[in-house]
């Protein structure tokens, strides 16, 4: 049973930075596609950034140039470096791999950005 654990969220002022981490048990990091997603209150979950083996990383236009996704398979960890945060980035952030057919989600980590 794969378990995803997100961490690193918090409350910051606009313009600040956070680094999210996602660790996973099992064979999650053998998947070729994985990414970060977020869900704000009253909104649907949306893609933030996704990375695929042998393909360029893809970012939501709203975060392009500010967020960087990276992965360290030796540590079974997926990262999201978030810079120049904006109030509209406020959401619960999740790692996952729905494009690879993996339907599980962790508990998420809350990011709150104040103006």
C-alpha atoms as a PDB file:
ATOM      1  CA  UNK A   1       0.000   0.000   0.000  1.00  0.00           C
ATOM      2  CA  UNK A   2       1.563   3.271  -1.135  1.00  0.00           C
ATOM      3  CA  UNK A   3       1.275   6.163   1.281  1.00  0.00           C
ATOM      4  CA  UNK A   4       1.975   9.753   0.303  1.00  0.00           C
ATOM      5  CA  UNK A   5       2.987  12.292   2.933  1.00  0.00           C
ATOM      6  CA  UNK A   6       3.149  15.976   2.071  1.00  0.00           C
ATOM      7  CA  UNK A   7       4.876  18.541   4.274  1.00  0.00           C
ATOM      8  CA  UNK A   8       6.373  22.018   4.231  1.00  0.00           C
ATOM      9  CA  UNK A   9       3.256  24.135   4.026  1.00  0.00           C
ATOM     10  CA  UNK A  10       2.615  27.136   6.209  1.00  0.00           C
ATOM     11  CA  UNK A  11       1.493  30.731   6.378  1.00  0.00           C
ATOM     12  CA  UNK A  12       3.547  33.353   4.583  1.00  0.00           C
ATOM     13  CA  UNK A  13       3.136  36.876   3.328  1.00  0.00           C
ATOM     14  CA  UNK A  14       2.884  37.641  -0.345  1.00  0.00           C
ATOM     15  CA  UNK A  15       6.287  37.515  -1.965  1.00  0.00           C
ATOM     16  CA  UNK A  16       7.527  34.832   0.377  1.00  0.00           C
ATOM     17  CA  UNK A  17       8.738  31.329  -0.388  1.00  0.00           C
ATOM     18  CA  UNK A  18       7.998  27.797   0.738  1.00  0.00           C
ATOM     19  CA  UNK A  19       9.380  24.407  -0.191  1.00  0.00           C
ATOM     20  CA  UNK A  20       6.981  21.506  -0.153  1.00  0.00           C
ATOM     21  CA  UNK A  21       8.077  17.890   0.125  1.00  0.00           C
ATOM     22  CA  UNK A  22       6.289  14.675  -0.674  1.00  0.00           C
ATOM     23  CA  UNK A  23       7.586  11.331   0.502  1.00  0.00           C
ATOM     24  CA  UNK A  24       6.116   8.023  -0.501  1.00  0.00           C
ATOM     25  CA  UNK A  25       6.391   4.402   0.489  1.00  0.00           C
ATOM     26  CA  UNK A  26       6.233   1.522  -1.912  1.00  0.00           C
ATOM     27  CA  UNK A  27       6.869   1.851  -5.622  1.00  0.00           C
ATOM     28  CA  UNK A  28       5.447   5.335  -6.114  1.00  0.00           C
ATOM     29  CA  UNK A  29       8.731   6.785  -7.304  1.00  0.00           C
ATOM     30  CA  UNK A  30       8.997   4.151 -10.018  1.00  0.00           C
ATOM     31  CA  UNK A  31       6.110   5.887 -11.743  1.00  0.00           C
ATOM     32  CA  UNK A  32       7.149   7.880 -14.777  1.00  0.00           C
ATOM     33  CA  UNK A  33       4.733  10.753 -14.209  1.00  0.00           C
ATOM     34  CA  UNK A  34       4.041  12.554 -10.941  1.00  0.00           C
ATOM     35  CA  UNK A  35       3.220  16.010  -9.825  1.00  0.00           C
ATOM     36  CA  UNK A  36       1.771  18.547  -7.454  1.00  0.00           C
ATOM     37  CA  UNK A  37      -1.871  19.525  -7.322  1.00  0.00           C
ATOM     38  CA  UNK A  38      -3.819  22.014  -5.238  1.00  0.00           C
ATOM     39  CA  UNK A  39      -7.359  22.611  -4.126  1.00  0.00           C
ATOM     40  CA  UNK A  40      -8.656  25.903  -2.827  1.00  0.00           C
ATOM     41  CA  UNK A  41     -11.903  26.090  -0.828  1.00  0.00           C
ATOM     42  CA  UNK A  42     -14.903  25.796  -3.102  1.00  0.00           C
ATOM     43  CA  UNK A  43     -12.789  24.931  -6.123  1.00  0.00           C
ATOM     44  CA  UNK A  44     -11.812  21.758  -7.899  1.00  0.00           C
ATOM     45  CA  UNK A  45      -8.381  20.219  -7.537  1.00  0.00           C
ATOM     46  CA  UNK A  46      -6.042  21.542 -10.216  1.00  0.00           C
ATOM     47  CA  UNK A  47      -2.656  20.648 -11.583  1.00  0.00           C
ATOM     48  CA  UNK A  48       0.218  22.804 -10.367  1.00  0.00           C
ATOM     49  CA  UNK A  49       3.221  21.086 -11.902  1.00  0.00           C
ATOM     50  CA  UNK A  50       3.982  17.671 -13.329  1.00  0.00           C
ATOM     51  CA  UNK A  51       7.171  15.938 -14.316  1.00  0.00           C
ATOM     52  CA  UNK A  52       7.512  13.012 -16.670  1.00  0.00           C
ATOM     53  CA  UNK A  53      10.462  10.818 -17.572  1.00  0.00           C
ATOM     54  CA  UNK A  54      11.887  11.949 -20.872  1.00  0.00           C
ATOM     55  CA  UNK A  55       9.593  14.939 -21.239  1.00  0.00           C
ATOM     56  CA  UNK A  56       9.720  18.594 -20.225  1.00  0.00           C
ATOM     57  CA  UNK A  57       8.113  19.511 -16.953  1.00  0.00           C
ATOM     58  CA  UNK A  58       4.722  21.172 -17.228  1.00  0.00           C
ATOM     59  CA  UNK A  59       3.460  24.028 -15.096  1.00  0.00           C
ATOM     60  CA  UNK A  60       0.095  25.627 -14.608  1.00  0.00           C
ATOM     61  CA  UNK A  61       0.298  29.031 -16.284  1.00  0.00           C
ATOM     62  CA  UNK A  62      -0.558  30.653 -12.950  1.00  0.00           C
ATOM     63  CA  UNK A  63       2.683  29.409 -11.363  1.00  0.00           C
ATOM     64  CA  UNK A  64       5.028  29.402 -14.332  1.00  0.00           C
ATOM     65  CA  UNK A  65       8.261  31.211 -13.513  1.00  0.00           C
ATOM     66  CA  UNK A  66       7.600  31.100  -9.769  1.00  0.00           C
ATOM     67  CA  UNK A  67       7.382  27.391  -8.875  1.00  0.00           C
ATOM     68  CA  UNK A  68       9.897  24.630  -9.550  1.00  0.00           C
ATOM     69  CA  UNK A  69       9.150  20.920  -9.292  1.00  0.00           C
ATOM     70  CA  UNK A  70      11.977  18.480  -8.675  1.00  0.00           C
ATOM     71  CA  UNK A  71      12.451  14.901  -7.604  1.00  0.00           C
ATOM     72  CA  UNK A  72      15.093  12.881  -5.761  1.00  0.00           C
ATOM     73  CA  UNK A  73      14.352   9.227  -6.347  1.00  0.00           C
ATOM     74  CA  UNK A  74      17.194   8.169  -4.048  1.00  0.00           C
ATOM     75  CA  UNK A  75      15.299   9.848  -1.198  1.00  0.00           C
ATOM     76  CA  UNK A  76      11.829   8.921  -2.486  1.00  0.00           C
ATOM     77  CA  UNK A  77      10.944  12.601  -2.330  1.00  0.00           C
ATOM     78  CA  UNK A  78       9.176  15.021  -4.652  1.00  0.00           C
ATOM     79  CA  UNK A  79       9.653  18.752  -4.082  1.00  0.00           C
ATOM     80  CA  UNK A  80       7.897  21.958  -5.012  1.00  0.00           C
ATOM     81  CA  UNK A  81       9.857  25.159  -4.535  1.00  0.00           C
ATOM     82  CA  UNK A  82       7.404  28.029  -4.442  1.00  0.00           C
ATOM     83  CA  UNK A  83       8.722  31.574  -4.805  1.00  0.00           C
ATOM     84  CA  UNK A  84       7.031  34.954  -4.988  1.00  0.00           C
ATOM     85  CA  UNK A  85       3.885  33.494  -3.478  1.00  0.00           C
ATOM     86  CA  UNK A  86       0.589  35.267  -4.084  1.00  0.00           C
ATOM     87  CA  UNK A  87      -2.662  35.188  -2.097  1.00  0.00           C
ATOM     88  CA  UNK A  88      -4.260  33.229  -4.940  1.00  0.00           C
ATOM     89  CA  UNK A  89      -1.776  30.412  -4.264  1.00  0.00           C
ATOM     90  CA  UNK A  90      -3.599  29.720  -1.006  1.00  0.00           C
ATOM     91  CA  UNK A  91      -4.783  26.110  -1.117  1.00  0.00           C
ATOM     92  CA  UNK A  92      -4.211  22.597   0.130  1.00  0.00           C
ATOM     93  CA  UNK A  93      -1.356  21.086  -1.854  1.00  0.00           C
ATOM     94  CA  UNK A  94      -1.133  17.406  -2.734  1.00  0.00           C
ATOM     95  CA  UNK A  95       1.323  15.213  -4.581  1.00  0.00           C
ATOM     96  CA  UNK A  96      -0.005  12.494  -6.801  1.00  0.00           C
ATOM     97  CA  UNK A  97       0.228  10.623 -10.053  1.00  0.00           C
ATOM     98  CA  UNK A  98      -3.256  10.348 -11.564  1.00  0.00           C
ATOM     99  CA  UNK A  99      -1.802  10.479 -15.079  1.00  0.00           C
ATOM    100  CA  UNK A 100       0.087   7.286 -14.293  1.00  0.00           C
ATOM    101  CA  UNK A 101      -3.069   5.587 -13.086  1.00  0.00           C
ATOM    102  CA  UNK A 102      -2.301   6.069  -9.421  1.00  0.00           C
ATOM    103  CA  UNK A 103      -5.470   7.177  -7.650  1.00  0.00           C
ATOM    104  CA  UNK A 104      -4.193   7.758  -4.122  1.00  0.00           C
ATOM    105  CA  UNK A 105      -3.678  11.085  -2.364  1.00  0.00           C
ATOM    106  CA  UNK A 106      -1.998  12.065   0.848  1.00  0.00           C
ATOM    107  CA  UNK A 107      -3.456  14.321   3.514  1.00  0.00           C
ATOM    108  CA  UNK A 108      -2.058  17.386   1.807  1.00  0.00           C
ATOM    109  CA  UNK A 109      -0.212  20.372   3.228  1.00  0.00           C
ATOM    110  CA  UNK A 110      -1.870  23.760   3.656  1.00  0.00           C
ATOM    111  CA  UNK A 111      -0.359  26.861   2.109  1.00  0.00           C
ATOM    112  CA  UNK A 112      -1.797  30.205   3.155  1.00  0.00           C
ATOM    113  CA  UNK A 113      -0.541  33.435   1.612  1.00  0.00           C
ATOM    114  CA  UNK A 114      -1.599  36.747   3.076  1.00  0.00           C
ATOM    115  CA  UNK A 115      -1.476  40.058   1.269  1.00  0.00           C
END
